[in-house]
């Protein structure tokens, strides 16, 4: 939990952690490692083929954060008790350095967008012959607690509520990026206002939700800002109807959108265009 403990403590008085991780992940950095002269690592909470993610404490802001490290299973390894990432051979070295440079450039852009929006990236740096990006750990409740399950709000109130989200998507669009995983569960609210969004996924994850556009199953090359438009349209639909939107697959099987009488024809047309299964008939951009 990264709470402060007395020097003589044998375990954390808050969460009971004794200094030994229950899960040991190969090649990962040990608990207590300090990165960028600022971040103290806690435990690993996820490991994928390219990135491993750690909980960490930001000594500059005194807040918990999430740090992800480029540690490709196919290209890299790390000796026990060492920090430097090594490449398996010269071919892996050449490919790995290109990937690290590309990822670094990508996350630097996302950090720039985060500074002026609700996106959660806060830092990106290179160290230990690899690269890292840092995300905020937002506190609050998910947007899913405010919409759906029979709760209905006016179109005007819904669009005002979603303005921080559409503003963020618009700024991502201008940076040549798109989010890829916008759902009511990735959006954080405080005092009934949207304050953060996490879960960025590029390329998109394989899991499918009712907020995913049909083209996501075809891969990143088929997606773009119009994919985020679909997700925002699906959230808007749930907010004004109280119903979870039917998935793209179910809509292809004949499941139709349902609207209460309180939704005007003009408002319905906006939502239907945002949710057009054919991306060429959808709004092309968030703007």
Protein backbone atom coordinates (compact mmCIF):
# COMPACT_ATOMS: atom_id res chain seq x y z
CA UNK A 1 0.00 0.00 0.00
CA UNK A 2 3.14 2.22 0.16
CA UNK A 3 2.21 3.73 3.50
CA UNK A 4 5.02 5.14 5.67
CA UNK A 5 6.26 2.68 8.34
CA UNK A 6 8.53 3.05 11.41
CA UNK A 7 12.15 2.03 10.77
CA UNK A 8 11.88 -0.90 13.20
CA UNK A 9 8.63 -2.26 11.73
CA UNK A 10 8.69 -5.87 10.54
CA UNK A 11 5.43 -5.45 8.61
CA UNK A 12 3.15 -2.64 7.47
CA UNK A 13 0.65 -1.59 10.14
CA UNK A 14 -1.85 -0.67 7.39
CA UNK A 15 -1.84 -3.63 4.98
CA UNK A 16 0.40 -6.19 6.72
CA UNK A 17 3.04 -6.41 3.94
CA UNK A 18 6.22 -7.99 5.34
CA UNK A 19 8.63 -7.19 2.50
CA UNK A 20 8.16 -10.45 0.60
CA UNK A 21 5.99 -10.45 -2.52
CA UNK A 22 3.48 -13.27 -2.80
CA UNK A 23 3.96 -13.26 -6.56
CA UNK A 24 7.50 -13.21 -7.93
CA UNK A 25 7.79 -12.14 -11.57
CA UNK A 26 10.89 -13.02 -13.55
CA UNK A 27 13.18 -10.13 -14.59
CA UNK A 28 11.23 -7.49 -12.59
CA UNK A 29 12.78 -4.81 -10.40
CA UNK A 30 12.84 -5.46 -6.64
CA UNK A 31 10.59 -3.64 -4.18
CA UNK A 32 12.27 -0.44 -2.97
CA UNK A 33 14.07 0.39 -6.23
CA UNK A 34 14.19 4.15 -6.85
CA UNK A 35 13.65 5.38 -10.42
CA UNK A 36 14.31 8.80 -11.94
CA UNK A 37 15.52 9.96 -8.49
CA UNK A 38 11.87 10.22 -7.57
CA UNK A 39 9.76 7.04 -7.68
CA UNK A 40 10.11 4.26 -5.09
CA UNK A 41 8.76 0.95 -6.38
CA UNK A 42 6.25 -1.15 -4.49
CA UNK A 43 5.09 -4.50 -5.79
CA UNK A 44 4.35 -5.72 -9.30
CA UNK A 45 0.63 -5.91 -10.04
CA UNK A 46 0.67 -6.94 -13.70
CA UNK A 47 3.06 -8.36 -16.26
CA UNK A 48 2.35 -8.57 -19.97
CA UNK A 49 4.46 -9.51 -22.98
CA UNK A 50 5.92 -6.02 -23.46
CA UNK A 51 5.34 -4.06 -20.24
CA UNK A 52 5.49 -4.87 -16.55
CA UNK A 53 3.66 -2.50 -14.18
CA UNK A 54 4.50 -1.63 -10.58
CA UNK A 55 2.81 0.32 -7.83
CA UNK A 56 5.13 3.13 -6.73
CA UNK A 57 5.39 6.14 -4.44
CA UNK A 58 6.16 9.55 -5.95
CA UNK A 59 8.42 11.30 -3.44
CA UNK A 60 7.88 14.63 -5.20
CA UNK A 61 4.09 14.70 -4.84
CA UNK A 62 3.78 12.20 -1.95
CA UNK A 63 1.20 10.23 -3.96
CA UNK A 64 0.88 6.63 -5.14
CA UNK A 65 1.34 6.11 -8.87
CA UNK A 66 1.62 3.27 -11.38
CA UNK A 67 4.89 2.81 -13.30
CA UNK A 68 5.13 0.64 -16.41
CA UNK A 69 8.51 -0.59 -17.65
CA UNK A 70 9.34 -1.79 -21.18
CA UNK A 71 10.51 -5.37 -20.57
CA UNK A 72 9.72 -7.35 -23.71
CA UNK A 73 9.61 -11.08 -23.01
CA UNK A 74 10.93 -11.86 -26.48
CA UNK A 75 13.76 -9.32 -26.62
CA UNK A 76 15.04 -8.58 -23.09
CA UNK A 77 16.12 -10.08 -19.79
CA UNK A 78 17.62 -8.86 -16.51
CA UNK A 79 20.08 -10.58 -14.18
CA UNK A 80 19.02 -11.02 -10.57
CA UNK A 81 19.95 -8.06 -8.34
CA UNK A 82 20.70 -5.87 -11.40
CA UNK A 83 18.75 -2.89 -12.72
CA UNK A 84 20.03 -2.70 -16.30
CA UNK A 85 17.89 -4.38 -18.96
CA UNK A 86 19.87 -6.51 -21.41
CA UNK A 87 18.95 -7.77 -24.87
CA UNK A 88 19.10 -11.42 -25.85
CA UNK A 89 21.25 -10.84 -28.95
CA UNK A 90 22.28 -8.14 -31.43
CA UNK A 91 19.13 -8.54 -33.48
CA UNK A 92 17.00 -8.15 -30.37
CA UNK A 93 19.10 -5.14 -29.36
CA UNK A 94 18.44 -3.35 -32.66
CA UNK A 95 14.72 -4.10 -32.60
CA UNK A 96 14.39 -3.32 -28.89
CA UNK A 97 16.04 0.08 -29.16
CA UNK A 98 13.67 1.02 -31.98
CA UNK A 99 10.67 -0.08 -29.93
CA UNK A 100 11.88 1.81 -26.85
CA UNK A 101 12.35 5.00 -28.89
CA UNK A 102 8.90 4.64 -30.46
CA UNK A 103 7.18 3.95 -27.13
CA UNK A 104 9.01 6.85 -25.49
CA UNK A 105 7.88 9.26 -28.20
CA UNK A 106 4.33 7.91 -27.94
CA UNK A 107 4.06 8.34 -24.17
CA UNK A 108 5.71 11.77 -24.21
CA UNK A 109 2.78 12.91 -26.39
CA UNK A 110 0.29 11.34 -24.01
CA UNK A 111 1.92 13.11 -21.06
CA UNK A 112 1.54 16.41 -22.94
CA UNK A 113 -2.17 15.76 -23.44
CA UNK A 114 -2.53 14.76 -19.78
CA UNK A 115 -1.23 18.13 -18.61
CA UNK A 116 -4.27 19.83 -20.16
CA UNK A 117 -6.91 17.13 -19.74
CA UNK A 118 -8.19 14.34 -17.48
CA UNK A 119 -5.89 11.68 -18.98
CA UNK A 120 -3.77 9.87 -16.37
CA UNK A 121 -0.19 9.94 -17.77
CA UNK A 122 2.15 12.07 -15.65
CA UNK A 123 5.74 11.22 -16.65
CA UNK A 124 7.89 9.36 -19.16
CA UNK A 125 11.64 8.76 -18.94
CA UNK A 126 14.47 6.45 -19.95
CA UNK A 127 16.67 4.64 -17.46
CA UNK A 128 18.33 1.22 -17.03
CA UNK A 129 18.61 0.85 -20.83
CA UNK A 130 14.81 0.90 -21.15
CA UNK A 131 11.87 3.30 -20.82
CA UNK A 132 9.15 3.93 -18.25
CA UNK A 133 5.83 5.74 -18.22
CA UNK A 134 3.98 6.84 -15.09
CA UNK A 135 0.22 7.07 -14.50
CA UNK A 136 -1.85 8.63 -11.74
CA UNK A 137 -3.93 6.40 -9.47
CA UNK A 138 -7.21 8.30 -9.37
CA UNK A 139 -9.48 8.21 -6.35
CA UNK A 140 -13.23 8.54 -6.71
CA UNK A 141 -16.12 6.51 -8.07
CA UNK A 142 -16.57 5.20 -11.62
CA UNK A 143 -18.99 6.95 -13.95
CA UNK A 144 -20.97 3.70 -13.99
CA UNK A 145 -22.32 4.65 -10.56
CA UNK A 146 -23.98 7.77 -12.00
CA UNK A 147 -25.55 6.42 -15.19
CA UNK A 148 -27.50 3.37 -16.33
CA UNK A 149 -29.45 0.87 -14.20
CA UNK A 150 -32.62 2.81 -14.91
CA UNK A 151 -31.14 6.21 -14.04
CA UNK A 152 -32.07 8.76 -16.71
CA UNK A 153 -30.81 12.30 -17.22
CA UNK A 154 -31.58 14.90 -19.87
CA UNK A 155 -29.46 15.11 -23.02
CA UNK A 156 -28.25 18.57 -21.95
CA UNK A 157 -27.21 17.37 -18.49
CA UNK A 158 -25.49 14.30 -19.98
CA UNK A 159 -23.44 16.31 -22.49
CA UNK A 160 -22.42 18.75 -19.75
CA UNK A 161 -21.38 15.84 -17.54
CA UNK A 162 -19.32 14.31 -20.37
CA UNK A 163 -17.61 17.56 -21.40
CA UNK A 164 -14.27 16.72 -19.64
CA UNK A 165 -14.31 13.38 -21.48
CA UNK A 166 -15.05 14.84 -24.90
CA UNK A 167 -12.47 17.57 -24.27
CA UNK A 168 -9.84 14.91 -23.46
CA UNK A 169 -10.74 12.87 -26.55
CA UNK A 170 -10.58 16.03 -28.66
CA UNK A 171 -7.08 16.84 -27.38
CA UNK A 172 -5.93 13.26 -28.00
CA UNK A 173 -7.29 13.60 -31.53
CA UNK A 174 -5.27 16.78 -32.12
CA UNK A 175 -2.14 14.94 -30.93
CA UNK A 176 -2.81 12.19 -33.46
CA UNK A 177 -3.88 9.71 -30.76
CA UNK A 178 -7.05 7.99 -29.59
CA UNK A 179 -7.90 6.34 -26.28
CA UNK A 180 -9.21 2.92 -27.25
CA UNK A 181 -10.84 1.89 -23.96
CA UNK A 182 -13.41 4.52 -23.01
CA UNK A 183 -16.11 2.98 -20.79
CA UNK A 184 -18.08 4.15 -17.72
CA UNK A 185 -15.72 1.95 -15.70
CA UNK A 186 -12.51 3.67 -16.86
CA UNK A 187 -13.88 7.15 -16.09
CA UNK A 188 -13.50 8.46 -12.53
CA UNK A 189 -15.86 10.95 -10.92
CA UNK A 190 -15.79 13.06 -7.77
CA UNK A 191 -18.80 15.01 -6.48
CA UNK A 192 -20.74 14.04 -9.63
CA UNK A 193 -18.10 15.46 -11.95
CA UNK A 194 -15.67 13.60 -14.22
CA UNK A 195 -12.12 14.08 -12.91
CA UNK A 196 -10.04 11.38 -14.61
CA UNK A 197 -9.85 8.63 -17.18
CA UNK A 198 -7.55 5.62 -17.15
CA UNK A 199 -7.32 2.32 -19.03
CA UNK A 200 -5.64 3.74 -22.16
CA UNK A 201 -5.20 0.87 -24.60
CA UNK A 202 -3.37 1.20 -27.90
CA UNK A 203 -3.55 -1.19 -29.62
CA UNK A 204 -6.99 -2.00 -28.21
CA UNK A 205 -7.43 -4.90 -25.81
CA UNK A 206 -9.07 -8.09 -27.03
CA UNK A 207 -11.90 -7.90 -24.51
CA UNK A 208 -15.19 -6.57 -25.89
CA UNK A 209 -17.72 -4.38 -24.09
CA UNK A 210 -20.98 -2.73 -25.22
CA UNK A 211 -18.94 0.49 -25.55
CA UNK A 212 -16.58 -0.94 -28.18
CA UNK A 213 -17.00 -0.09 -31.84
CA UNK A 214 -17.21 -3.02 -34.31
CA UNK A 215 -13.85 -2.17 -35.92
CA UNK A 216 -11.94 -2.84 -32.68
CA UNK A 217 -12.08 -6.58 -33.33
CA UNK A 218 -10.15 -5.97 -36.56
CA UNK A 219 -7.14 -4.41 -34.79
CA UNK A 220 -5.51 -1.01 -34.32
CA UNK A 221 -4.98 -0.36 -38.03
CA UNK A 222 -8.77 -0.15 -38.47
CA UNK A 223 -9.37 2.19 -35.51
CA UNK A 224 -9.02 5.90 -34.82
CA UNK A 225 -10.79 8.89 -33.29
CA UNK A 226 -14.07 7.57 -34.74
CA UNK A 227 -13.64 4.55 -32.45
CA UNK A 228 -13.63 6.85 -29.41
CA UNK A 229 -16.68 8.61 -30.91
CA UNK A 230 -18.58 5.31 -30.73
CA UNK A 231 -17.60 4.80 -27.08
CA UNK A 232 -18.68 8.32 -26.12
CA UNK A 233 -21.93 7.84 -28.04
CA UNK A 234 -22.57 4.59 -26.15
CA UNK A 235 -22.01 6.32 -22.80
CA UNK A 236 -24.30 9.18 -23.85
CA UNK A 237 -26.94 6.63 -24.86
CA UNK A 238 -26.80 4.92 -21.46
CA UNK A 239 -26.98 8.27 -19.65
CA UNK A 240 -30.14 9.46 -21.43
CA UNK A 241 -31.97 6.12 -21.69
CA UNK A 242 -30.90 4.30 -18.52
CA UNK A 243 -30.17 1.21 -20.64
CA UNK A 244 -26.83 -0.47 -21.29
CA UNK A 245 -26.26 -0.15 -25.06
CA UNK A 246 -26.48 -3.41 -27.01
CA UNK A 247 -23.07 -4.67 -28.08
CA UNK A 248 -21.91 -4.24 -31.67
CA UNK A 249 -22.41 -7.98 -32.22
CA UNK A 250 -25.97 -7.91 -30.86
CA UNK A 251 -26.80 -4.85 -32.96
CA UNK A 252 -25.63 -6.77 -36.00
CA UNK A 253 -28.17 -9.44 -35.07
CA UNK A 254 -31.04 -6.97 -35.03
CA UNK A 255 -31.00 -5.52 -31.50
CA UNK A 256 -32.15 -1.92 -31.87
CA UNK A 257 -31.43 1.18 -29.80
CA UNK A 258 -34.32 2.21 -27.53
CA UNK A 259 -35.11 5.82 -26.67
CA UNK A 260 -37.61 7.28 -24.16
CA UNK A 261 -40.02 9.96 -25.37
CA UNK A 262 -38.03 12.59 -23.47
CA UNK A 263 -35.24 12.31 -26.09
CA UNK A 264 -35.97 14.62 -29.03
CA UNK A 265 -35.56 13.56 -32.65
CA UNK A 266 -32.51 15.80 -33.05
CA UNK A 267 -30.86 14.34 -29.92
CA UNK A 268 -31.68 10.82 -31.07
CA UNK A 269 -30.11 11.51 -34.47
CA UNK A 270 -26.89 12.69 -32.79
CA UNK A 271 -26.63 9.54 -30.70
CA UNK A 272 -27.51 7.24 -33.60
CA UNK A 273 -24.87 8.86 -35.81
CA UNK A 274 -22.24 8.51 -33.06
CA UNK A 275 -23.22 4.84 -32.75
CA UNK A 276 -23.32 4.02 -36.46
CA UNK A 277 -21.85 0.50 -36.82
CA UNK A 278 -20.31 1.53 -40.16
CA UNK A 279 -17.49 3.94 -39.27
CA UNK A 280 -17.90 5.74 -42.60
CA UNK A 281 -21.42 6.77 -41.52
CA UNK A 282 -20.29 7.81 -38.03
CA UNK A 283 -18.91 11.18 -36.93
CA UNK A 284 -15.33 11.04 -38.19
CA UNK A 285 -13.91 13.03 -35.29
CA UNK A 286 -14.75 13.97 -31.73
CA UNK A 287 -14.67 17.63 -32.77
